[in-house]
Amino acid sequence: MKYLFTFAAFALLSISTRAQHSLEKKWETEASLKTPESVLFDGGNKVLYVANIDGEGGAKDGKGSIGKVGLDGKVIATDWVPGLQAPKGMALVKNTLWVADIDELVAIDIKRAKIIKHVKIDGATFLNDVAADSKGTVYVTDSHQKQLWKVENDKPSLVLENLKGPNGVLVHNGSIHILDNGTLYRVDKDRQLEKLADGMDGSTDGLENVQGNEFIVSCWTGVIYYVNGDGTTQVLIDGREQKINSADIGYDAKNKIVYVPTFFKNNVVAYQLK
């Protein structure tokens, strides 16, 4: 009995001492963006890149663009780089911005604000999030085909298939991390999935690392979670009732600022992570 009491007391102490986090609103842009699906923080150039779908998520209508927003919340250019279809996730490799655009990755020279390359992914129908590793290898999820691809030297190859609905992807500590229908996984060297956290809203979208094995996860429906190192989760924001979406987030790790694209609300909101 004494042992059981001690164990229960320890469990309660662990729960009570686990850090509780919150998001405190800093600013929001004007609603001049065009169905913003993704935000990418570029600390070197002190700007945010915003992927504007401007229409249907799978439509090849040529209306999509990349916008640019200042770190003060001022929209620098809504259509900084036009000529895309329905752009979503982004990753920066040196001066090249890689963007998922339905069935191809589009490379943009950020110094010239110009599209310089298109890399077609065979069979892709809904490319979604993008990540890059330290060597410049680019990873992209296909949510409809339920796959993860990588691109090395402009050549695509399949990494994972038969997933449920993959979206957010991140390279952290040399390992691929992926969100798949409410669950966060780490991909091991044998391409096996190690579950890190589950039970989140099935529309898991953006994925950012905070520290160690702690992450922030956004869900398209409007929920943002803090994922603790032990796999437990805490809801930071829940905009489902108000129908305020939270798509593919950006993150300033140094200053702990989360940038949230609101999709149908046509703006980006910045939050201080506490």
C-alpha atoms as a PDB file:
ATOM      1  CA  MET A   1       0.000   0.000   0.000  1.00  0.00           C
ATOM      2  CA  LYS A   2       2.832   2.379   0.866  1.00  0.00           C
ATOM      3  CA  TYR A   3       4.464   1.630  -2.491  1.00  0.00           C
ATOM      4  CA  LEU A   4       1.246   2.369  -4.384  1.00  0.00           C
ATOM      5  CA  PHE A   5       0.782   5.645  -2.509  1.00  0.00           C
ATOM      6  CA  THR A   6       4.346   6.711  -3.229  1.00  0.00           C
ATOM      7  CA  PHE A   7       3.977   5.890  -6.931  1.00  0.00           C
ATOM      8  CA  ALA A   8       0.684   7.785  -7.199  1.00  0.00           C
ATOM      9  CA  ALA A   9       2.165  10.791  -5.407  1.00  0.00           C
ATOM     10  CA  PHE A  10       5.153  10.773  -7.765  1.00  0.00           C
ATOM     11  CA  ALA A  11       2.849  10.620 -10.803  1.00  0.00           C
ATOM     12  CA  LEU A  12       0.817  13.568  -9.565  1.00  0.00           C
ATOM     13  CA  LEU A  13       3.986  15.527  -8.834  1.00  0.00           C
ATOM     14  CA  SER A  14       5.289  14.842 -12.354  1.00  0.00           C
ATOM     15  CA  ILE A  15       2.057  16.103 -13.899  1.00  0.00           C
ATOM     16  CA  SER A  16       1.927  19.195 -11.709  1.00  0.00           C
ATOM     17  CA  THR A  17       5.571  20.146 -12.343  1.00  0.00           C
ATOM     18  CA  ARG A  18       5.444  19.676 -16.115  1.00  0.00           C
ATOM     19  CA  ALA A  19       5.756  23.088 -17.715  1.00  0.00           C
ATOM     20  CA  GLN A  20       2.507  24.542 -18.990  1.00  0.00           C
ATOM     21  CA  HIS A  21       2.827  26.628 -22.132  1.00  0.00           C
ATOM     22  CA  SER A  22       0.735  29.333 -23.744  1.00  0.00           C
ATOM     23  CA  LEU A  23       0.618  31.538 -26.821  1.00  0.00           C
ATOM     24  CA  GLU A  24       0.328  35.297 -26.369  1.00  0.00           C
ATOM     25  CA  LYS A  25      -0.751  37.271 -29.435  1.00  0.00           C
ATOM     26  CA  LYS A  26       1.792  39.847 -30.653  1.00  0.00           C
ATOM     27  CA  TRP A  27       0.310  41.092 -33.918  1.00  0.00           C
ATOM     28  CA  GLU A  28      -1.647  40.132 -36.986  1.00  0.00           C
ATOM     29  CA  THR A  29      -1.273  41.271 -40.564  1.00  0.00           C
ATOM     30  CA  GLU A  30      -3.974  42.973 -42.543  1.00  0.00           C
ATOM     31  CA  ALA A  31      -6.258  40.564 -44.377  1.00  0.00           C
ATOM     32  CA  SER A  32      -4.681  41.185 -47.777  1.00  0.00           C
ATOM     33  CA  LEU A  33      -3.068  37.765 -48.160  1.00  0.00           C
ATOM     34  CA  LYS A  34      -4.742  35.217 -50.417  1.00  0.00           C
ATOM     35  CA  THR A  35      -5.699  32.000 -48.644  1.00  0.00           C
ATOM     36  CA  PRO A  36      -2.332  31.744 -46.866  1.00  0.00           C
ATOM     37  CA  GLU A  37      -1.508  28.071 -46.287  1.00  0.00           C
ATOM     38  CA  SER A  38       2.070  28.180 -45.057  1.00  0.00           C
ATOM     39  CA  VAL A  39       4.517  30.574 -43.382  1.00  0.00           C
ATOM     40  CA  LEU A  40       8.297  30.216 -43.362  1.00  0.00           C
ATOM     41  CA  PHE A  41      10.546  32.285 -41.091  1.00  0.00           C
ATOM     42  CA  ASP A  42      13.793  33.489 -42.653  1.00  0.00           C
ATOM     43  CA  GLY A  43      15.946  34.808 -39.824  1.00  0.00           C
ATOM     44  CA  GLY A  44      18.859  35.744 -42.059  1.00  0.00           C
ATOM     45  CA  ASN A  45      16.791  38.140 -44.145  1.00  0.00           C
ATOM     46  CA  LYS A  46      14.385  38.990 -41.312  1.00  0.00           C
ATOM     47  CA  VAL A  47      11.245  38.245 -43.297  1.00  0.00           C
ATOM     48  CA  LEU A  48       8.415  35.750 -43.546  1.00  0.00           C
ATOM     49  CA  TYR A  49       7.508  33.960 -46.750  1.00  0.00           C
ATOM     50  CA  VAL A  50       3.818  33.174 -47.149  1.00  0.00           C
ATOM     51  CA  ALA A  51       2.333  30.641 -49.583  1.00  0.00           C
ATOM     52  CA  ASN A  52      -0.892  32.057 -51.062  1.00  0.00           C
ATOM     53  CA  ILE A  53      -3.161  29.406 -52.578  1.00  0.00           C
ATOM     54  CA  ASP A  54      -5.682  32.033 -53.742  1.00  0.00           C
ATOM     55  CA  GLY A  55      -8.329  29.501 -54.750  1.00  0.00           C
ATOM     56  CA  GLU A  56      -8.788  25.745 -54.559  1.00  0.00           C
ATOM     57  CA  GLY A  57      -6.015  23.707 -52.943  1.00  0.00           C
ATOM     58  CA  GLY A  58      -5.647  21.386 -55.908  1.00  0.00           C
ATOM     59  CA  ALA A  59      -6.465  23.736 -58.787  1.00  0.00           C
ATOM     60  CA  LYS A  60      -3.938  24.495 -61.500  1.00  0.00           C
ATOM     61  CA  ASP A  61      -5.237  27.990 -62.117  1.00  0.00           C
ATOM     62  CA  GLY A  62      -2.014  29.986 -62.028  1.00  0.00           C
ATOM     63  CA  LYS A  63      -3.360  32.212 -59.259  1.00  0.00           C
ATOM     64  CA  GLY A  64      -0.961  31.066 -56.531  1.00  0.00           C
ATOM     65  CA  SER A  65       1.928  33.169 -55.282  1.00  0.00           C
ATOM     66  CA  ILE A  66       4.491  33.636 -52.551  1.00  0.00           C
ATOM     67  CA  GLY A  67       4.060  36.717 -50.389  1.00  0.00           C
ATOM     68  CA  LYS A  68       6.560  38.489 -48.167  1.00  0.00           C
ATOM     69  CA  VAL A  69       5.773  39.853 -44.694  1.00  0.00           C
ATOM     70  CA  GLY A  70       7.988  41.820 -42.314  1.00  0.00           C
ATOM     71  CA  LEU A  71       8.657  40.646 -38.775  1.00  0.00           C
ATOM     72  CA  ASP A  72       6.598  43.598 -37.592  1.00  0.00           C
ATOM     73  CA  GLY A  73       3.487  42.208 -39.272  1.00  0.00           C
ATOM     74  CA  LYS A  74       3.507  44.608 -42.233  1.00  0.00           C
ATOM     75  CA  VAL A  75       2.787  43.001 -45.603  1.00  0.00           C
ATOM     76  CA  ILE A  76       5.730  43.859 -47.850  1.00  0.00           C
ATOM     77  CA  ALA A  77       4.274  42.216 -50.971  1.00  0.00           C
ATOM     78  CA  THR A  78       1.255  39.966 -51.305  1.00  0.00           C
ATOM     79  CA  ASP A  79       2.346  38.600 -54.691  1.00  0.00           C
ATOM     80  CA  TRP A  80       6.107  38.822 -54.261  1.00  0.00           C
ATOM     81  CA  VAL A  81       6.607  35.829 -56.599  1.00  0.00           C
ATOM     82  CA  PRO A  82       3.532  35.085 -58.754  1.00  0.00           C
ATOM     83  CA  GLY A  83       2.984  32.335 -61.311  1.00  0.00           C
ATOM     84  CA  LEU A  84       2.353  29.350 -59.034  1.00  0.00           C
ATOM     85  CA  GLN A  85      -0.692  27.081 -58.867  1.00  0.00           C
ATOM     86  CA  ALA A  86      -1.681  26.264 -55.272  1.00  0.00           C
ATOM     87  CA  PRO A  87       1.545  26.591 -53.246  1.00  0.00           C
ATOM     88  CA  LYS A  88       1.776  25.087 -49.784  1.00  0.00           C
ATOM     89  CA  GLY A  89       4.821  24.053 -47.701  1.00  0.00           C
ATOM     90  CA  MET A  90       8.216  25.711 -48.093  1.00  0.00           C
ATOM     91  CA  ALA A  91      11.844  25.110 -47.137  1.00  0.00           C
ATOM     92  CA  LEU A  92      14.901  27.322 -47.533  1.00  0.00           C
ATOM     93  CA  VAL A  93      18.226  25.947 -48.775  1.00  0.00           C
ATOM     94  CA  LYS A  94      20.772  28.800 -48.832  1.00  0.00           C
ATOM     95  CA  ASN A  95      19.218  31.309 -51.257  1.00  0.00           C
ATOM     96  CA  THR A  96      16.730  28.896 -52.783  1.00  0.00           C
ATOM     97  CA  LEU A  97      13.159  28.662 -51.554  1.00  0.00           C
ATOM     98  CA  TRP A  98      11.592  25.290 -52.338  1.00  0.00           C
ATOM     99  CA  VAL A  99       7.811  25.283 -52.596  1.00  0.00           C
ATOM    100  CA  ALA A 100       5.324  22.409 -52.909  1.00  0.00           C
ATOM    101  CA  ASP A 101       2.980  23.157 -55.811  1.00  0.00           C
ATOM    102  CA  ILE A 102       0.453  20.323 -56.371  1.00  0.00           C
ATOM    103  CA  ASP A 103       2.600  17.899 -58.394  1.00  0.00           C
ATOM    104  CA  GLU A 104       6.005  19.548 -58.443  1.00  0.00           C
ATOM    105  CA  LEU A 105       8.557  21.362 -56.333  1.00  0.00           C
ATOM    106  CA  VAL A 106       9.242  24.886 -57.468  1.00  0.00           C
ATOM    107  CA  ALA A 107      12.614  26.505 -56.719  1.00  0.00           C
ATOM    108  CA  ILE A 108      12.712  30.272 -56.212  1.00  0.00           C
ATOM    109  CA  ASP A 109      15.860  32.412 -56.092  1.00  0.00           C
ATOM    110  CA  ILE A 110      15.061  34.695 -53.147  1.00  0.00           C
ATOM    111  CA  LYS A 111      17.670  37.263 -54.171  1.00  0.00           C
ATOM    112  CA  ARG A 112      16.042  37.759 -57.555  1.00  0.00           C
ATOM    113  CA  ALA A 113      12.466  36.884 -56.538  1.00  0.00           C
ATOM    114  CA  LYS A 114      12.347  34.577 -59.557  1.00  0.00           C
ATOM    115  CA  ILE A 115      11.307  30.985 -60.241  1.00  0.00           C
ATOM    116  CA  ILE A 116      14.411  29.156 -61.462  1.00  0.00           C
ATOM    117  CA  LYS A 117      13.443  25.499 -61.500  1.00  0.00           C
ATOM    118  CA  HIS A 118      10.567  22.994 -61.532  1.00  0.00           C
ATOM    119  CA  VAL A 119      11.050  19.437 -60.268  1.00  0.00           C
ATOM    120  CA  LYS A 120       8.167  17.149 -61.203  1.00  0.00           C
ATOM    121  CA  ILE A 121       7.178  14.374 -58.773  1.00  0.00           C
ATOM    122  CA  ASP A 122       5.785  11.447 -60.776  1.00  0.00           C
ATOM    123  CA  GLY A 123       2.222  10.564 -59.804  1.00  0.00           C
ATOM    124  CA  ALA A 124       1.932  13.360 -57.246  1.00  0.00           C
ATOM    125  CA  THR A 125      -1.495  14.959 -56.838  1.00  0.00           C
ATOM    126  CA  PHE A 126      -1.339  16.994 -53.606  1.00  0.00           C
ATOM    127  CA  LEU A 127       2.177  17.866 -52.494  1.00  0.00           C
ATOM    128  CA  ASN A 128       1.911  19.542 -49.122  1.00  0.00           C
ATOM    129  CA  ASP A 129       4.710  20.207 -46.651  1.00  0.00           C
ATOM    130  CA  VAL A 130       8.421  20.618 -47.385  1.00  0.00           C
ATOM    131  CA  ALA A 131      11.562  20.255 -45.278  1.00  0.00           C
ATOM    132  CA  ALA A 132      15.290  20.226 -45.985  1.00  0.00           C
ATOM    133  CA  ASP A 133      18.266  18.695 -44.206  1.00  0.00           C
ATOM    134  CA  SER A 134      21.732  20.135 -43.625  1.00  0.00           C
ATOM    135  CA  LYS A 135      22.999  18.714 -46.931  1.00  0.00           C
ATOM    136  CA  GLY A 136      20.255  20.378 -48.957  1.00  0.00           C
ATOM    137  CA  THR A 137      18.163  17.267 -49.545  1.00  0.00           C
ATOM    138  CA  VAL A 138      14.522  18.312 -49.818  1.00  0.00           C
ATOM    139  CA  TYR A 139      11.616  16.251 -48.474  1.00  0.00           C
ATOM    140  CA  VAL A 140       7.970  16.678 -49.472  1.00  0.00           C
ATOM    141  CA  THR A 141       4.754  14.933 -48.458  1.00  0.00           C
ATOM    142  CA  ASP A 142       1.921  13.998 -50.807  1.00  0.00           C
ATOM    143  CA  SER A 143      -1.211  13.968 -48.664  1.00  0.00           C
ATOM    144  CA  HIS A 144      -3.486  12.380 -51.283  1.00  0.00           C
ATOM    145  CA  GLN A 145      -1.071   9.707 -52.489  1.00  0.00           C
ATOM    146  CA  LYS A 146      -0.049   9.110 -48.848  1.00  0.00           C
ATOM    147  CA  GLN A 147       3.654   9.301 -49.577  1.00  0.00           C
ATOM    148  CA  LEU A 148       6.880  11.003 -48.563  1.00  0.00           C
ATOM    149  CA  TRP A 149       9.424  11.882 -51.261  1.00  0.00           C
ATOM    150  CA  LYS A 150      12.936  13.252 -51.226  1.00  0.00           C
ATOM    151  CA  VAL A 151      14.763  15.236 -53.883  1.00  0.00           C
ATOM    152  CA  GLU A 152      18.555  15.045 -54.183  1.00  0.00           C
ATOM    153  CA  ASN A 153      20.310  16.835 -57.029  1.00  0.00           C
ATOM    154  CA  ASP A 154      16.896  17.510 -58.598  1.00  0.00           C
ATOM    155  CA  LYS A 155      16.073  13.779 -58.692  1.00  0.00           C
ATOM    156  CA  PRO A 156      12.988  12.606 -56.745  1.00  0.00           C
ATOM    157  CA  SER A 157      12.812   9.237 -54.999  1.00  0.00           C
ATOM    158  CA  LEU A 158      10.159   7.660 -52.804  1.00  0.00           C
ATOM    159  CA  VAL A 159      10.905   7.407 -49.078  1.00  0.00           C
ATOM    160  CA  LEU A 160       7.606   6.242 -47.539  1.00  0.00           C
ATOM    161  CA  GLU A 161       4.242   5.106 -48.846  1.00  0.00           C
ATOM    162  CA  ASN A 162       0.976   3.642 -47.539  1.00  0.00           C
ATOM    163  CA  LEU A 163       0.633   6.357 -44.927  1.00  0.00           C
ATOM    164  CA  LYS A 164      -2.788   7.671 -43.837  1.00  0.00           C
ATOM    165  CA  GLY A 165      -2.678  11.368 -44.624  1.00  0.00           C
ATOM    166  CA  PRO A 166       0.850  12.744 -44.265  1.00  0.00           C
ATOM    167  CA  ASN A 167       1.404  16.465 -44.076  1.00  0.00           C
ATOM    168  CA  GLY A 168       3.922  18.211 -41.804  1.00  0.00           C
ATOM    169  CA  VAL A 169       7.533  17.118 -42.233  1.00  0.00           C
ATOM    170  CA  LEU A 170      10.660  18.255 -40.397  1.00  0.00           C
ATOM    171  CA  VAL A 171      14.298  17.196 -40.220  1.00  0.00           C
ATOM    172  CA  HIS A 172      15.421  17.368 -36.586  1.00  0.00           C
ATOM    173  CA  ASN A 173      18.690  16.024 -35.168  1.00  0.00           C
ATOM    174  CA  GLY A 174      19.351  14.249 -38.437  1.00  0.00           C
ATOM    175  CA  SER A 175      16.042  12.370 -38.405  1.00  0.00           C
ATOM    176  CA  ILE A 176      12.901  12.896 -40.441  1.00  0.00           C
ATOM    177  CA  HIS A 177       9.807  13.675 -38.376  1.00  0.00           C
ATOM    178  CA  ILE A 178       6.388  13.466 -39.978  1.00  0.00           C
ATOM    179  CA  LEU A 179       2.775  14.187 -39.057  1.00  0.00           C
ATOM    180  CA  ASP A 180       0.275  11.632 -40.281  1.00  0.00           C
ATOM    181  CA  ASN A 181      -3.412  11.988 -39.487  1.00  0.00           C
ATOM    182  CA  GLY A 182      -3.089  13.109 -35.862  1.00  0.00           C
ATOM    183  CA  THR A 183       0.123  11.273 -34.998  1.00  0.00           C
ATOM    184  CA  LEU A 184       3.741  12.446 -34.858  1.00  0.00           C
ATOM    185  CA  TYR A 185       6.389   9.954 -35.941  1.00  0.00           C
ATOM    186  CA  ARG A 186      10.158   9.844 -36.172  1.00  0.00           C
ATOM    187  CA  VAL A 187      11.506   7.897 -39.163  1.00  0.00           C
ATOM    188  CA  ASP A 188      14.426   5.647 -38.231  1.00  0.00           C
ATOM    189  CA  LYS A 189      17.351   4.697 -40.468  1.00  0.00           C
ATOM    190  CA  ASP A 190      15.453   1.636 -41.711  1.00  0.00           C
ATOM    191  CA  ARG A 191      12.503   3.840 -42.665  1.00  0.00           C
ATOM    192  CA  GLN A 192      10.395   2.455 -39.848  1.00  0.00           C
ATOM    193  CA  LEU A 193       8.014   4.778 -38.000  1.00  0.00           C
ATOM    194  CA  GLU A 194       8.535   5.420 -34.294  1.00  0.00           C
ATOM    195  CA  LYS A 195       5.469   6.996 -32.700  1.00  0.00           C
ATOM    196  CA  LEU A 196       6.263  10.064 -30.588  1.00  0.00           C
ATOM    197  CA  ALA A 197       2.754  11.419 -29.905  1.00  0.00           C
ATOM    198  CA  ASP A 198      -0.799  10.672 -30.976  1.00  0.00           C
ATOM    199  CA  GLY A 199      -4.407  11.599 -30.265  1.00  0.00           C
ATOM    200  CA  MET A 200      -4.212  14.997 -31.958  1.00  0.00           C
ATOM    201  CA  ASP A 201      -6.815  16.380 -34.368  1.00  0.00           C
ATOM    202  CA  GLY A 202      -6.640  14.414 -37.609  1.00  0.00           C
ATOM    203  CA  SER A 203      -5.845  17.519 -39.688  1.00  0.00           C
ATOM    204  CA  THR A 204      -2.277  17.813 -38.347  1.00  0.00           C
ATOM    205  CA  ASP A 205      -0.478  20.274 -40.586  1.00  0.00           C
ATOM    206  CA  GLY A 206       2.580  22.271 -39.437  1.00  0.00           C
ATOM    207  CA  LEU A 207       5.461  20.888 -37.372  1.00  0.00           C
ATOM    208  CA  GLU A 208       8.222  22.833 -35.613  1.00  0.00           C
ATOM    209  CA  ASN A 209      10.781  21.851 -32.997  1.00  0.00           C
ATOM    210  CA  VAL A 210      11.024  23.918 -29.810  1.00  0.00           C
ATOM    211  CA  GLN A 211      13.812  22.111 -27.971  1.00  0.00           C
ATOM    212  CA  GLY A 212      14.938  18.528 -27.472  1.00  0.00           C
ATOM    213  CA  ASN A 213      11.984  16.288 -28.232  1.00  0.00           C
ATOM    214  CA  GLU A 214       9.414  19.045 -27.731  1.00  0.00           C
ATOM    215  CA  PHE A 215       7.413  20.309 -30.691  1.00  0.00           C
ATOM    216  CA  ILE A 216       4.624  22.620 -31.752  1.00  0.00           C
ATOM    217  CA  VAL A 217       2.013  21.074 -34.028  1.00  0.00           C
ATOM    218  CA  SER A 218      -0.697  22.974 -35.869  1.00  0.00           C
ATOM    219  CA  CYS A 219      -3.867  21.483 -37.287  1.00  0.00           C
ATOM    220  CA  TRP A 220      -5.687  22.941 -40.271  1.00  0.00           C
ATOM    221  CA  THR A 221      -9.005  22.946 -38.400  1.00  0.00           C
ATOM    222  CA  GLY A 222      -7.657  25.466 -35.871  1.00  0.00           C
ATOM    223  CA  VAL A 223      -5.942  23.558 -33.061  1.00  0.00           C
ATOM    224  CA  ILE A 224      -2.330  24.138 -32.044  1.00  0.00           C
ATOM    225  CA  TYR A 225      -0.625  21.682 -29.683  1.00  0.00           C
ATOM    226  CA  TYR A 226       2.510  21.678 -27.600  1.00  0.00           C
ATOM    227  CA  VAL A 227       4.034  18.188 -27.681  1.00  0.00           C
ATOM    228  CA  ASN A 228       6.094  17.324 -24.611  1.00  0.00           C
ATOM    229  CA  GLY A 229       9.130  15.085 -24.661  1.00  0.00           C
ATOM    230  CA  ASP A 230       7.149  12.232 -23.081  1.00  0.00           C
ATOM    231  CA  GLY A 231       4.564  12.306 -25.872  1.00  0.00           C
ATOM    232  CA  THR A 232       1.835  14.084 -23.934  1.00  0.00           C
ATOM    233  CA  THR A 233       0.177  17.062 -25.591  1.00  0.00           C
ATOM    234  CA  GLN A 234      -1.261  20.386 -24.458  1.00  0.00           C
ATOM    235  CA  VAL A 235      -3.748  22.452 -26.449  1.00  0.00           C
ATOM    236  CA  LEU A 236      -2.416  25.990 -26.886  1.00  0.00           C
ATOM    237  CA  ILE A 237      -5.154  27.327 -29.159  1.00  0.00           C
ATOM    238  CA  ASP A 238      -8.444  25.863 -30.349  1.00  0.00           C
ATOM    239  CA  GLY A 239     -10.114  27.930 -33.030  1.00  0.00           C
ATOM    240  CA  ARG A 240     -12.468  25.256 -34.306  1.00  0.00           C
ATOM    241  CA  GLU A 241     -15.621  26.752 -32.830  1.00  0.00           C
ATOM    242  CA  GLN A 242     -14.764  30.194 -34.223  1.00  0.00           C
ATOM    243  CA  LYS A 243     -13.741  28.580 -37.541  1.00  0.00           C
ATOM    244  CA  ILE A 244     -10.304  30.174 -37.450  1.00  0.00           C
ATOM    245  CA  ASN A 245      -7.858  27.878 -39.204  1.00  0.00           C
ATOM    246  CA  SER A 246      -4.225  27.342 -38.274  1.00  0.00           C
ATOM    247  CA  ALA A 247      -2.429  25.846 -41.253  1.00  0.00           C
ATOM    248  CA  ASP A 248       1.318  25.287 -41.758  1.00  0.00           C
ATOM    249  CA  ILE A 249       3.028  27.381 -39.063  1.00  0.00           C
ATOM    250  CA  GLY A 250       6.410  29.092 -39.122  1.00  0.00           C
ATOM    251  CA  TYR A 251       8.665  29.413 -36.081  1.00  0.00           C
ATOM    252  CA  ASP A 252      11.425  31.715 -34.877  1.00  0.00           C
ATOM    253  CA  ALA A 253      13.257  29.369 -32.492  1.00  0.00           C
ATOM    254  CA  LYS A 254      15.573  32.033 -31.063  1.00  0.00           C
ATOM    255  CA  ASN A 255      12.786  34.371 -30.001  1.00  0.00           C
ATOM    256  CA  LYS A 256      10.109  31.681 -29.610  1.00  0.00           C
ATOM    257  CA  ILE A 257       7.593  33.299 -31.921  1.00  0.00           C
ATOM    258  CA  VAL A 258       4.996  31.202 -33.736  1.00  0.00           C
ATOM    259  CA  TYR A 259       3.598  32.487 -37.038  1.00  0.00           C
ATOM    260  CA  VAL A 260       0.162  31.151 -37.928  1.00  0.00           C
ATOM    261  CA  PRO A 261      -1.451  31.374 -41.385  1.00  0.00           C
ATOM    262  CA  THR A 262      -5.224  31.563 -40.939  1.00  0.00           C
ATOM    263  CA  PHE A 263      -6.172  30.329 -44.416  1.00  0.00           C
ATOM    264  CA  PHE A 264      -9.719  31.643 -45.056  1.00  0.00           C
ATOM    265  CA  LYS A 265      -9.143  34.700 -42.810  1.00  0.00           C
ATOM    266  CA  ASN A 266      -6.397  35.807 -45.212  1.00  0.00           C
ATOM    267  CA  ASN A 267      -3.844  36.910 -42.655  1.00  0.00           C
ATOM    268  CA  VAL A 268      -0.934  35.749 -40.507  1.00  0.00           C
ATOM    269  CA  VAL A 269      -0.967  36.004 -36.716  1.00  0.00           C
ATOM    270  CA  ALA A 270       2.204  36.078 -34.592  1.00  0.00           C
ATOM    271  CA  TYR A 271       2.242  34.591 -31.082  1.00  0.00           C
ATOM    272  CA  GLN A 272       4.859  34.620 -28.355  1.00  0.00           C
ATOM    273  CA  LEU A 273       5.389  31.150 -26.970  1.00  0.00           C
ATOM    274  CA  LYS A 274       5.466  31.243 -23.188  1.00  0.00           C
END
